[in-house]
């Protein structure tokens, strides 16, 4: 599985670590573990809202970064692995929760959206759609929107579709904008640091 993750594509990880990824499984395994750990930690950055079953978390920020830096296949494996260990009983979801009830509960659509958004972000990165701040912002906004599309559709079955925007979208719009801008900036910093290293060497 890991040997086929490197596709010679244009995402940051494949460009930055091209030689190592061709020759070893260890770096791919390490990157996936790092990604799962980041998602788990950011899930604990959680602010419950008394009027909504959906908490504010840092997970979507991590999903966007992982998707853009890792590329589609590696990002998909990372996010699926994150869901898998949560299903198996590791307390990696928001509020240190775990299990199938979390996936099937009101916020399950957002979790499924993580996999879709990370994969699409990875595809866009492989098309070099994240190399400048403007295009990166658009790309990350697309990724964030995908998370909410899946989350809102799923949430609607629990709270009613007439209430879903008030409970699952509007309270999160300011944070969505902030995290999209922040993730775009972090992504550009990674690319600029790579260019500086190449210039120095």
N, C-alpha and C. Protein backbone atom coordinates (compact mmCIF):
# COMPACT_ATOMS: atom_id res chain seq x y z
N UNK A 1 0.83 -1.21 0.00
CA UNK A 1 0.00 0.00 0.00
C UNK A 1 0.87 1.25 0.00
N UNK A 2 1.88 1.28 0.91
CA UNK A 2 2.66 2.50 1.06
C UNK A 2 3.56 2.75 -0.14
N UNK A 3 4.04 1.67 -0.78
CA UNK A 3 4.95 1.87 -1.90
C UNK A 3 4.29 2.56 -3.08
N UNK A 4 2.95 2.49 -3.16
CA UNK A 4 2.25 3.08 -4.30
C UNK A 4 1.75 4.49 -4.01
N UNK A 5 2.02 5.01 -2.79
CA UNK A 5 1.51 6.34 -2.46
C UNK A 5 2.26 7.41 -3.24
N UNK A 6 3.56 7.22 -3.45
CA UNK A 6 4.30 8.21 -4.22
C UNK A 6 3.95 8.06 -5.69
N UNK A 7 3.44 9.13 -6.28
CA UNK A 7 3.03 9.10 -7.68
C UNK A 7 3.81 10.10 -8.53
N UNK A 8 4.83 10.71 -7.93
CA UNK A 8 5.57 11.72 -8.66
C UNK A 8 4.75 12.95 -8.93
N UNK A 9 3.81 13.25 -8.05
CA UNK A 9 2.87 14.35 -8.28
C UNK A 9 3.40 15.66 -7.71
N UNK A 10 2.56 16.69 -7.72
CA UNK A 10 3.01 18.04 -7.41
C UNK A 10 2.61 18.53 -6.03
N UNK A 11 2.10 17.65 -5.16
CA UNK A 11 1.84 18.10 -3.80
C UNK A 11 3.17 18.32 -3.07
N UNK A 12 3.11 19.06 -1.99
CA UNK A 12 4.34 19.49 -1.31
C UNK A 12 5.20 18.31 -0.87
N UNK A 13 4.59 17.30 -0.25
CA UNK A 13 5.36 16.18 0.29
C UNK A 13 6.09 15.43 -0.82
N UNK A 14 5.41 15.17 -1.93
CA UNK A 14 6.05 14.45 -3.03
C UNK A 14 7.19 15.27 -3.65
N UNK A 15 7.00 16.57 -3.73
CA UNK A 15 8.05 17.42 -4.30
C UNK A 15 9.22 17.55 -3.33
N UNK A 16 8.91 17.75 -2.06
CA UNK A 16 9.96 17.99 -1.07
C UNK A 16 10.78 16.75 -0.78
N UNK A 17 10.13 15.57 -0.72
CA UNK A 17 10.81 14.34 -0.29
C UNK A 17 10.81 13.29 -1.40
N UNK A 18 10.94 13.75 -2.62
CA UNK A 18 10.81 12.86 -3.78
C UNK A 18 11.70 11.63 -3.68
N UNK A 19 12.98 11.81 -3.42
CA UNK A 19 13.92 10.70 -3.40
C UNK A 19 13.60 9.72 -2.28
N UNK A 20 13.31 10.22 -1.09
CA UNK A 20 13.05 9.35 0.05
C UNK A 20 11.78 8.53 -0.16
N UNK A 21 10.75 9.14 -0.74
CA UNK A 21 9.48 8.44 -0.92
C UNK A 21 9.60 7.32 -1.95
N UNK A 22 10.50 7.47 -2.89
CA UNK A 22 10.71 6.42 -3.88
C UNK A 22 11.36 5.19 -3.26
N UNK A 23 12.19 5.43 -2.23
CA UNK A 23 13.07 4.38 -1.76
C UNK A 23 12.63 3.70 -0.47
N UNK A 24 11.68 4.26 0.26
CA UNK A 24 11.36 3.69 1.56
C UNK A 24 9.87 3.82 1.88
N UNK A 25 9.37 2.84 2.64
CA UNK A 25 8.01 2.91 3.16
C UNK A 25 7.95 3.73 4.44
N UNK A 26 9.07 3.84 5.13
CA UNK A 26 9.08 4.41 6.48
C UNK A 26 8.56 5.84 6.51
N UNK A 27 8.97 6.67 5.54
CA UNK A 27 8.54 8.06 5.54
C UNK A 27 7.03 8.16 5.32
N UNK A 28 6.50 7.37 4.41
CA UNK A 28 5.05 7.38 4.20
C UNK A 28 4.30 6.97 5.46
N UNK A 29 4.77 5.94 6.12
CA UNK A 29 4.13 5.49 7.36
C UNK A 29 4.22 6.58 8.42
N UNK A 30 5.37 7.22 8.51
CA UNK A 30 5.56 8.28 9.50
C UNK A 30 4.63 9.46 9.22
N UNK A 31 4.51 9.84 7.96
CA UNK A 31 3.63 10.95 7.58
C UNK A 31 2.18 10.66 7.93
N UNK A 32 1.74 9.44 7.70
CA UNK A 32 0.37 9.07 8.02
C UNK A 32 0.14 9.11 9.53
N UNK A 33 1.10 8.62 10.30
CA UNK A 33 1.00 8.67 11.76
C UNK A 33 0.96 10.12 12.23
N UNK A 34 1.79 10.97 11.65
CA UNK A 34 1.80 12.39 12.01
C UNK A 34 0.45 13.02 11.69
N UNK A 35 -0.10 12.71 10.52
CA UNK A 35 -1.39 13.26 10.12
C UNK A 35 -2.51 12.83 11.05
N UNK A 36 -2.55 11.55 11.40
CA UNK A 36 -3.57 11.03 12.31
C UNK A 36 -3.43 11.69 13.68
N UNK A 37 -2.20 11.84 14.14
CA UNK A 37 -1.95 12.49 15.43
C UNK A 37 -2.41 13.94 15.41
N UNK A 38 -2.12 14.64 14.31
CA UNK A 38 -2.54 16.04 14.20
C UNK A 38 -4.07 16.15 14.24
N UNK A 39 -4.75 15.30 13.49
CA UNK A 39 -6.21 15.31 13.50
C UNK A 39 -6.76 15.02 14.90
N UNK A 40 -6.14 14.07 15.59
CA UNK A 40 -6.59 13.71 16.93
C UNK A 40 -6.41 14.86 17.91
N UNK A 41 -5.27 15.54 17.83
CA UNK A 41 -5.00 16.66 18.73
C UNK A 41 -5.92 17.84 18.44
N UNK A 42 -6.11 18.13 17.16
CA UNK A 42 -6.95 19.26 16.80
C UNK A 42 -8.42 19.00 17.14
N UNK A 43 -8.81 17.73 17.21
CA UNK A 43 -10.18 17.39 17.61
C UNK A 43 -10.43 17.78 19.07
N UNK A 44 -9.36 17.78 19.86
CA UNK A 44 -9.51 18.11 21.28
C UNK A 44 -9.55 19.62 21.50
N UNK A 45 -9.20 20.39 20.47
CA UNK A 45 -9.41 21.84 20.52
C UNK A 45 -10.88 22.06 20.20
N UNK A 46 -11.71 21.89 21.19
CA UNK A 46 -13.15 21.78 20.98
C UNK A 46 -13.91 22.74 21.90
N UNK A 47 -14.83 23.48 21.32
CA UNK A 47 -15.69 24.39 22.08
C UNK A 47 -17.14 23.97 21.86
N UNK A 48 -17.76 23.33 22.85
CA UNK A 48 -19.17 22.93 22.70
C UNK A 48 -20.08 24.15 22.62
N UNK A 49 -21.11 24.05 21.80
CA UNK A 49 -22.11 25.10 21.69
C UNK A 49 -23.40 24.61 22.32
N UNK A 50 -23.95 25.34 23.27
CA UNK A 50 -25.14 24.85 24.00
C UNK A 50 -26.37 24.68 23.12
N UNK A 51 -26.41 25.36 22.00
CA UNK A 51 -27.60 25.32 21.14
C UNK A 51 -27.43 24.40 19.93
N UNK A 52 -26.26 23.74 19.82
CA UNK A 52 -25.99 22.92 18.63
C UNK A 52 -25.27 21.64 19.04
N UNK A 53 -25.57 20.53 18.37
CA UNK A 53 -24.83 19.29 18.64
C UNK A 53 -23.43 19.28 18.02
N UNK A 54 -23.11 20.31 17.25
CA UNK A 54 -21.83 20.39 16.56
C UNK A 54 -20.90 21.34 17.32
N UNK A 55 -19.76 20.86 17.81
CA UNK A 55 -18.82 21.75 18.49
C UNK A 55 -17.91 22.47 17.50
N UNK A 56 -17.32 23.56 17.93
CA UNK A 56 -16.27 24.20 17.17
C UNK A 56 -14.97 23.46 17.46
N UNK A 57 -14.29 22.98 16.43
CA UNK A 57 -13.02 22.28 16.64
C UNK A 57 -11.97 22.78 15.65
N UNK A 58 -10.75 22.32 15.87
CA UNK A 58 -9.66 22.68 14.96
C UNK A 58 -9.43 21.65 13.87
N UNK A 59 -10.30 20.65 13.79
CA UNK A 59 -10.06 19.55 12.87
C UNK A 59 -10.05 19.96 11.40
N UNK A 60 -10.98 20.84 11.02
CA UNK A 60 -11.05 21.19 9.60
C UNK A 60 -9.75 21.87 9.15
N UNK A 61 -9.13 22.64 10.03
CA UNK A 61 -7.82 23.25 9.72
C UNK A 61 -6.81 22.15 9.39
N UNK A 62 -6.77 21.12 10.23
CA UNK A 62 -5.83 20.02 10.01
C UNK A 62 -6.14 19.27 8.72
N UNK A 63 -7.42 19.06 8.45
CA UNK A 63 -7.83 18.34 7.23
C UNK A 63 -7.35 19.09 5.99
N UNK A 64 -7.52 20.41 5.97
CA UNK A 64 -7.11 21.21 4.82
C UNK A 64 -5.60 21.13 4.61
N UNK A 65 -4.84 21.26 5.69
CA UNK A 65 -3.38 21.21 5.60
C UNK A 65 -2.92 19.85 5.12
N UNK A 66 -3.47 18.79 5.70
CA UNK A 66 -3.09 17.43 5.30
C UNK A 66 -3.42 17.18 3.84
N UNK A 67 -4.61 17.58 3.42
CA UNK A 67 -4.99 17.38 2.02
C UNK A 67 -4.06 18.08 1.07
N UNK A 68 -3.73 19.32 1.37
CA UNK A 68 -2.90 20.10 0.46
C UNK A 68 -1.46 19.61 0.44
N UNK A 69 -0.89 19.33 1.59
CA UNK A 69 0.52 18.94 1.66
C UNK A 69 0.74 17.49 1.25
N UNK A 70 -0.21 16.62 1.55
CA UNK A 70 0.01 15.18 1.37
C UNK A 70 -0.33 14.67 -0.02
N UNK A 71 -1.25 15.33 -0.72
CA UNK A 71 -1.74 14.77 -1.97
C UNK A 71 -2.93 13.87 -1.72
N UNK A 72 -3.65 13.55 -2.77
CA UNK A 72 -4.95 12.89 -2.63
C UNK A 72 -4.87 11.52 -1.96
N UNK A 73 -4.01 10.66 -2.45
CA UNK A 73 -4.00 9.29 -1.94
C UNK A 73 -3.51 9.21 -0.51
N UNK A 74 -2.43 9.92 -0.21
CA UNK A 74 -1.89 9.90 1.14
C UNK A 74 -2.85 10.56 2.13
N UNK A 75 -3.51 11.63 1.69
CA UNK A 75 -4.48 12.31 2.56
C UNK A 75 -5.69 11.42 2.81
N UNK A 76 -6.14 10.72 1.78
CA UNK A 76 -7.28 9.81 1.96
C UNK A 76 -6.94 8.70 2.94
N UNK A 77 -5.76 8.11 2.81
CA UNK A 77 -5.35 7.05 3.73
C UNK A 77 -5.25 7.58 5.15
N UNK A 78 -4.73 8.80 5.29
CA UNK A 78 -4.58 9.39 6.62
C UNK A 78 -5.93 9.62 7.28
N UNK A 79 -6.86 10.22 6.57
CA UNK A 79 -8.17 10.52 7.17
C UNK A 79 -8.98 9.25 7.41
N UNK A 80 -8.90 8.28 6.52
CA UNK A 80 -9.58 7.00 6.75
C UNK A 80 -8.97 6.30 7.97
N UNK A 81 -7.65 6.36 8.10
CA UNK A 81 -6.98 5.75 9.26
C UNK A 81 -7.43 6.41 10.55
N UNK A 82 -7.60 7.72 10.51
CA UNK A 82 -8.08 8.46 11.68
C UNK A 82 -9.47 7.97 12.09
N UNK A 83 -10.37 7.85 11.13
CA UNK A 83 -11.72 7.36 11.43
C UNK A 83 -11.67 5.92 11.94
N UNK A 84 -10.78 5.13 11.35
CA UNK A 84 -10.70 3.72 11.72
C UNK A 84 -10.27 3.53 13.17
N UNK A 85 -9.26 4.28 13.60
CA UNK A 85 -8.81 4.09 14.98
C UNK A 85 -9.84 4.63 15.96
N UNK A 86 -10.60 5.65 15.54
CA UNK A 86 -11.70 6.12 16.38
C UNK A 86 -12.79 5.07 16.52
N UNK A 87 -13.10 4.40 15.43
CA UNK A 87 -14.10 3.33 15.46
C UNK A 87 -13.64 2.16 16.32
N UNK A 88 -12.33 1.93 16.36
CA UNK A 88 -11.79 0.81 17.12
C UNK A 88 -11.64 1.12 18.60
N UNK A 89 -11.95 2.34 19.00
CA UNK A 89 -11.96 2.63 20.43
C UNK A 89 -10.95 3.63 20.94
N UNK A 90 -10.13 4.18 20.06
CA UNK A 90 -9.19 5.22 20.49
C UNK A 90 -9.94 6.54 20.62
N UNK A 91 -9.74 7.28 21.72
CA UNK A 91 -10.50 8.52 21.95
C UNK A 91 -9.97 9.70 21.15
N UNK A 92 -10.12 9.63 19.83
CA UNK A 92 -9.51 10.62 18.94
C UNK A 92 -10.50 11.63 18.37
N UNK A 93 -11.79 11.40 18.59
CA UNK A 93 -12.78 12.35 18.10
C UNK A 93 -12.95 13.49 19.11
N UNK A 94 -13.72 14.50 18.77
CA UNK A 94 -13.87 15.66 19.64
C UNK A 94 -14.37 15.25 21.01
N UNK A 95 -13.84 15.93 22.04
CA UNK A 95 -14.21 15.58 23.41
C UNK A 95 -13.70 14.22 23.83
N UNK A 96 -12.62 13.75 23.19
CA UNK A 96 -12.03 12.43 23.49
C UNK A 96 -13.06 11.30 23.33
N UNK A 97 -13.97 11.47 22.39
CA UNK A 97 -14.99 10.44 22.14
C UNK A 97 -14.48 9.44 21.12
N UNK A 98 -15.24 8.37 20.93
CA UNK A 98 -14.84 7.30 20.01
C UNK A 98 -16.04 6.43 19.71
N UNK A 99 -15.86 5.50 18.76
CA UNK A 99 -16.88 4.50 18.51
C UNK A 99 -17.82 4.82 17.36
N UNK A 100 -18.59 3.80 17.00
CA UNK A 100 -19.50 3.89 15.86
C UNK A 100 -20.60 4.91 16.11
N UNK A 101 -20.94 5.13 17.39
CA UNK A 101 -22.00 6.09 17.70
C UNK A 101 -21.62 7.50 17.25
N UNK A 102 -20.33 7.80 17.27
CA UNK A 102 -19.88 9.13 16.84
C UNK A 102 -20.05 9.29 15.34
N UNK A 103 -19.74 8.24 14.60
CA UNK A 103 -19.88 8.29 13.14
C UNK A 103 -21.36 8.36 12.74
N UNK A 104 -22.20 7.64 13.46
CA UNK A 104 -23.62 7.60 13.12
C UNK A 104 -24.40 8.73 13.77
N UNK A 105 -23.75 9.50 14.64
CA UNK A 105 -24.43 10.58 15.33
C UNK A 105 -24.55 11.84 14.50
N UNK A 106 -25.00 12.94 15.09
CA UNK A 106 -25.27 14.17 14.34
C UNK A 106 -24.07 14.74 13.60
N UNK A 107 -22.86 14.52 14.15
CA UNK A 107 -21.67 15.11 13.52
C UNK A 107 -20.95 14.14 12.58
N UNK A 108 -21.55 12.98 12.35
CA UNK A 108 -20.88 11.98 11.51
C UNK A 108 -20.62 12.45 10.09
N UNK A 109 -21.49 13.28 9.56
CA UNK A 109 -21.31 13.77 8.19
C UNK A 109 -20.06 14.62 8.04
N UNK A 110 -19.75 15.38 9.08
CA UNK A 110 -18.52 16.18 9.03
C UNK A 110 -17.29 15.28 8.98
N UNK A 111 -17.33 14.18 9.75
CA UNK A 111 -16.21 13.25 9.76
C UNK A 111 -16.02 12.60 8.40
N UNK A 112 -17.11 12.18 7.78
CA UNK A 112 -17.02 11.62 6.43
C UNK A 112 -16.54 12.69 5.45
N UNK A 113 -17.00 13.91 5.66
CA UNK A 113 -16.55 15.01 4.81
C UNK A 113 -15.06 15.26 4.89
N UNK A 114 -14.44 14.91 6.03
CA UNK A 114 -12.99 15.06 6.14
C UNK A 114 -12.27 14.26 5.06
N UNK A 115 -12.72 13.04 4.86
CA UNK A 115 -12.07 12.16 3.87
C UNK A 115 -12.23 12.73 2.46
N UNK A 116 -13.45 13.16 2.14
CA UNK A 116 -13.71 13.72 0.82
C UNK A 116 -12.93 15.00 0.61
N UNK A 117 -12.98 15.90 1.58
CA UNK A 117 -12.30 17.19 1.45
C UNK A 117 -10.80 17.01 1.33
N UNK A 118 -10.21 16.15 2.17
CA UNK A 118 -8.76 15.93 2.11
C UNK A 118 -8.36 15.36 0.75
N UNK A 119 -9.16 14.46 0.22
CA UNK A 119 -8.84 13.86 -1.08
C UNK A 119 -8.93 14.88 -2.21
N UNK A 120 -9.99 15.69 -2.21
CA UNK A 120 -10.14 16.72 -3.24
C UNK A 120 -9.06 17.78 -3.10
N UNK A 121 -8.74 18.16 -1.87
CA UNK A 121 -7.64 19.10 -1.64
C UNK A 121 -6.35 18.55 -2.22
N UNK A 122 -6.13 17.26 -2.01
CA UNK A 122 -4.92 16.63 -2.55
C UNK A 122 -4.88 16.66 -4.06
N UNK A 123 -6.02 16.39 -4.70
CA UNK A 123 -6.08 16.45 -6.16
C UNK A 123 -5.79 17.86 -6.67
N UNK A 124 -6.35 18.86 -6.00
CA UNK A 124 -6.11 20.24 -6.42
C UNK A 124 -4.64 20.62 -6.22
N UNK A 125 -4.05 20.12 -5.15
CA UNK A 125 -2.62 20.38 -4.92
C UNK A 125 -1.78 19.76 -6.02
N UNK A 126 -2.17 18.56 -6.45
CA UNK A 126 -1.43 17.89 -7.52
C UNK A 126 -1.57 18.61 -8.85
N UNK A 127 -2.60 19.46 -8.95
CA UNK A 127 -2.79 20.30 -10.14
C UNK A 127 -2.14 21.68 -9.95
N UNK A 128 -1.37 21.82 -8.88
CA UNK A 128 -0.67 23.08 -8.54
C UNK A 128 -1.63 24.24 -8.30
N UNK A 129 -2.78 23.92 -7.71
CA UNK A 129 -3.78 24.96 -7.48
C UNK A 129 -3.60 25.65 -6.14
N UNK A 130 -2.51 25.36 -5.44
CA UNK A 130 -2.32 25.94 -4.11
C UNK A 130 -0.97 26.64 -3.98
N UNK A 131 -0.42 27.11 -5.08
CA UNK A 131 0.95 27.63 -5.06
C UNK A 131 1.04 29.13 -4.77
N UNK A 132 -0.05 29.87 -4.88
CA UNK A 132 -0.02 31.28 -4.48
C UNK A 132 -1.21 31.53 -3.55
N UNK A 133 -1.17 32.64 -2.85
CA UNK A 133 -2.13 32.87 -1.77
C UNK A 133 -3.57 32.91 -2.27
N UNK A 134 -3.80 33.56 -3.42
CA UNK A 134 -5.16 33.68 -3.92
C UNK A 134 -5.73 32.33 -4.31
N UNK A 135 -4.98 31.56 -5.09
CA UNK A 135 -5.49 30.25 -5.51
C UNK A 135 -5.56 29.29 -4.33
N UNK A 136 -4.64 29.44 -3.38
CA UNK A 136 -4.68 28.59 -2.19
C UNK A 136 -5.94 28.87 -1.38
N UNK A 137 -6.29 30.14 -1.25
CA UNK A 137 -7.50 30.49 -0.50
C UNK A 137 -8.74 29.88 -1.16
N UNK A 138 -8.81 29.96 -2.48
CA UNK A 138 -9.95 29.38 -3.20
C UNK A 138 -9.98 27.86 -3.00
N UNK A 139 -8.82 27.24 -3.11
CA UNK A 139 -8.73 25.80 -2.93
C UNK A 139 -9.16 25.37 -1.54
N UNK A 140 -8.67 26.10 -0.54
CA UNK A 140 -9.01 25.75 0.83
C UNK A 140 -10.47 26.04 1.13
N UNK A 141 -11.04 27.07 0.51
CA UNK A 141 -12.47 27.35 0.68
C UNK A 141 -13.31 26.21 0.10
N UNK A 142 -12.86 25.65 -1.02
CA UNK A 142 -13.55 24.51 -1.61
C UNK A 142 -13.51 23.33 -0.64
N UNK A 143 -12.33 23.07 -0.07
CA UNK A 143 -12.20 21.98 0.88
C UNK A 143 -13.10 22.16 2.09
N UNK A 144 -13.12 23.36 2.63
CA UNK A 144 -13.98 23.64 3.78
C UNK A 144 -15.45 23.47 3.43
N UNK A 145 -15.82 23.92 2.24
CA UNK A 145 -17.21 23.81 1.81
C UNK A 145 -17.65 22.35 1.70
N UNK A 146 -16.76 21.50 1.23
CA UNK A 146 -17.09 20.08 1.11
C UNK A 146 -17.36 19.46 2.48
N UNK A 147 -16.57 19.84 3.47
CA UNK A 147 -16.80 19.33 4.83
C UNK A 147 -18.20 19.71 5.30
N UNK A 148 -18.57 20.96 5.05
CA UNK A 148 -19.87 21.44 5.52
C UNK A 148 -21.02 20.84 4.71
N UNK A 149 -20.82 20.61 3.44
CA UNK A 149 -21.88 20.00 2.63
C UNK A 149 -22.25 18.63 3.20
N UNK A 150 -21.25 17.80 3.43
CA UNK A 150 -21.51 16.47 3.98
C UNK A 150 -22.05 16.57 5.40
N UNK A 151 -21.47 17.48 6.19
CA UNK A 151 -21.92 17.63 7.56
C UNK A 151 -23.35 18.10 7.67
N UNK A 152 -23.74 19.06 6.85
CA UNK A 152 -25.09 19.62 6.93
C UNK A 152 -26.16 18.64 6.46
N UNK A 153 -25.84 17.91 5.40
CA UNK A 153 -26.81 16.91 4.91
C UNK A 153 -27.09 15.87 5.99
N UNK A 154 -26.02 15.39 6.63
CA UNK A 154 -26.18 14.37 7.68
C UNK A 154 -26.88 14.95 8.90
N UNK A 155 -26.47 16.16 9.29
CA UNK A 155 -27.06 16.81 10.46
C UNK A 155 -28.55 17.07 10.28
N UNK A 156 -28.94 17.33 9.04
CA UNK A 156 -30.34 17.62 8.76
C UNK A 156 -31.29 16.51 9.17
N UNK A 157 -30.83 15.27 9.13
CA UNK A 157 -31.68 14.14 9.53
C UNK A 157 -31.90 14.11 11.04
N UNK A 158 -31.07 14.82 11.79
CA UNK A 158 -31.19 14.83 13.24
C UNK A 158 -31.93 16.06 13.76
N UNK A 159 -31.67 17.21 13.16
CA UNK A 159 -32.23 18.45 13.69
C UNK A 159 -33.32 19.02 12.80
N UNK A 160 -33.53 18.40 11.65
CA UNK A 160 -34.49 18.91 10.69
C UNK A 160 -33.81 19.86 9.71
N UNK A 161 -34.16 19.73 8.46
CA UNK A 161 -33.48 20.53 7.45
C UNK A 161 -33.85 22.01 7.52
N UNK A 162 -34.93 22.31 8.20
CA UNK A 162 -35.28 23.72 8.37
C UNK A 162 -34.38 24.40 9.41
N UNK A 163 -33.73 23.60 10.26
CA UNK A 163 -32.88 24.15 11.31
C UNK A 163 -31.39 23.97 11.03
N UNK A 164 -31.06 23.27 9.97
CA UNK A 164 -29.68 22.81 9.81
C UNK A 164 -28.70 23.97 9.60
N UNK A 165 -29.09 25.00 8.91
CA UNK A 165 -28.17 26.12 8.68
C UNK A 165 -27.91 26.90 9.97
N UNK A 166 -28.96 27.08 10.77
CA UNK A 166 -28.80 27.80 12.02
C UNK A 166 -27.93 27.04 13.02
N UNK A 167 -28.01 25.71 12.98
CA UNK A 167 -27.29 24.89 13.96
C UNK A 167 -25.96 24.36 13.45
N UNK A 168 -25.83 24.23 12.13
CA UNK A 168 -24.63 23.56 11.60
C UNK A 168 -23.75 24.39 10.70
N UNK A 169 -24.20 25.62 10.36
CA UNK A 169 -23.38 26.43 9.44
C UNK A 169 -23.13 27.84 9.96
N UNK A 170 -24.18 28.60 10.20
CA UNK A 170 -24.03 30.01 10.52
C UNK A 170 -23.10 30.28 11.72
N UNK A 171 -23.19 29.50 12.80
CA UNK A 171 -22.29 29.78 13.93
C UNK A 171 -20.82 29.53 13.62
N UNK A 172 -20.57 28.79 12.53
CA UNK A 172 -19.20 28.36 12.22
C UNK A 172 -18.56 29.17 11.10
N UNK A 173 -19.32 30.07 10.49
CA UNK A 173 -18.79 30.83 9.36
C UNK A 173 -17.58 31.69 9.71
N UNK A 174 -17.59 32.44 10.83
CA UNK A 174 -16.38 33.22 11.16
C UNK A 174 -15.15 32.34 11.33
N UNK A 175 -15.31 31.22 12.05
CA UNK A 175 -14.18 30.30 12.22
C UNK A 175 -13.74 29.67 10.92
N UNK A 176 -14.71 29.40 10.05
CA UNK A 176 -14.40 28.82 8.74
C UNK A 176 -13.52 29.77 7.93
N UNK A 177 -13.87 31.05 7.94
CA UNK A 177 -13.08 32.04 7.21
C UNK A 177 -11.68 32.16 7.80
N UNK A 178 -11.60 32.23 9.14
CA UNK A 178 -10.30 32.36 9.80
C UNK A 178 -9.42 31.15 9.51
N UNK A 179 -9.98 29.95 9.63
CA UNK A 179 -9.19 28.74 9.40
C UNK A 179 -8.80 28.59 7.94
N UNK A 180 -9.65 29.03 7.03
CA UNK A 180 -9.31 28.98 5.60
C UNK A 180 -8.13 29.90 5.30
N UNK A 181 -8.19 31.11 5.84
CA UNK A 181 -7.09 32.06 5.63
C UNK A 181 -5.81 31.53 6.27
N UNK A 182 -5.92 31.02 7.52
CA UNK A 182 -4.74 30.53 8.22
C UNK A 182 -4.11 29.34 7.51
N UNK A 183 -4.95 28.40 7.08
CA UNK A 183 -4.43 27.22 6.38
C UNK A 183 -3.77 27.60 5.06
N UNK A 184 -4.36 28.56 4.36
CA UNK A 184 -3.77 29.04 3.10
C UNK A 184 -2.39 29.63 3.37
N UNK A 185 -2.29 30.44 4.42
CA UNK A 185 -1.02 31.05 4.76
C UNK A 185 0.03 30.03 5.14
N UNK A 186 -0.36 29.03 5.94
CA UNK A 186 0.60 27.98 6.33
C UNK A 186 1.08 27.22 5.11
N UNK A 187 0.17 26.92 4.21
CA UNK A 187 0.54 26.20 2.99
C UNK A 187 1.56 26.99 2.16
N UNK A 188 1.33 28.29 2.01
CA UNK A 188 2.25 29.13 1.25
C UNK A 188 3.61 29.20 1.94
N UNK A 189 3.62 29.22 3.27
CA UNK A 189 4.89 29.25 4.00
C UNK A 189 5.71 27.99 3.73
N UNK A 190 5.04 26.85 3.65
CA UNK A 190 5.74 25.60 3.32
C UNK A 190 6.40 25.71 1.95
N UNK A 191 5.65 26.18 0.96
CA UNK A 191 6.20 26.28 -0.39
C UNK A 191 7.33 27.32 -0.47
N UNK A 192 7.17 28.43 0.22
CA UNK A 192 8.22 29.45 0.19
C UNK A 192 9.48 28.97 0.88
N UNK A 193 9.32 28.20 1.97
CA UNK A 193 10.50 27.67 2.65
C UNK A 193 11.25 26.70 1.75
N UNK A 194 10.50 25.92 0.95
CA UNK A 194 11.16 25.01 0.02
C UNK A 194 11.94 25.79 -1.04
N UNK A 195 11.35 26.87 -1.56
CA UNK A 195 12.02 27.66 -2.58
C UNK A 195 13.28 28.30 -2.02
N UNK A 196 13.24 28.74 -0.77
CA UNK A 196 14.41 29.36 -0.15
C UNK A 196 15.52 28.34 0.01
N UNK A 197 15.17 27.09 0.42
CA UNK A 197 16.19 26.06 0.57
C UNK A 197 16.84 25.75 -0.78
N UNK A 198 16.03 25.70 -1.82
CA UNK A 198 16.59 25.40 -3.15
C UNK A 198 17.49 26.54 -3.61
N UNK A 199 17.12 27.78 -3.28
CA UNK A 199 17.91 28.95 -3.67
C UNK A 199 19.25 28.93 -2.95
N UNK A 200 19.22 28.58 -1.64
CA UNK A 200 20.45 28.56 -0.85
C UNK A 200 21.40 27.50 -1.35
N UNK A 201 20.81 26.34 -1.70
CA UNK A 201 21.66 25.24 -2.14
C UNK A 201 21.98 25.32 -3.64
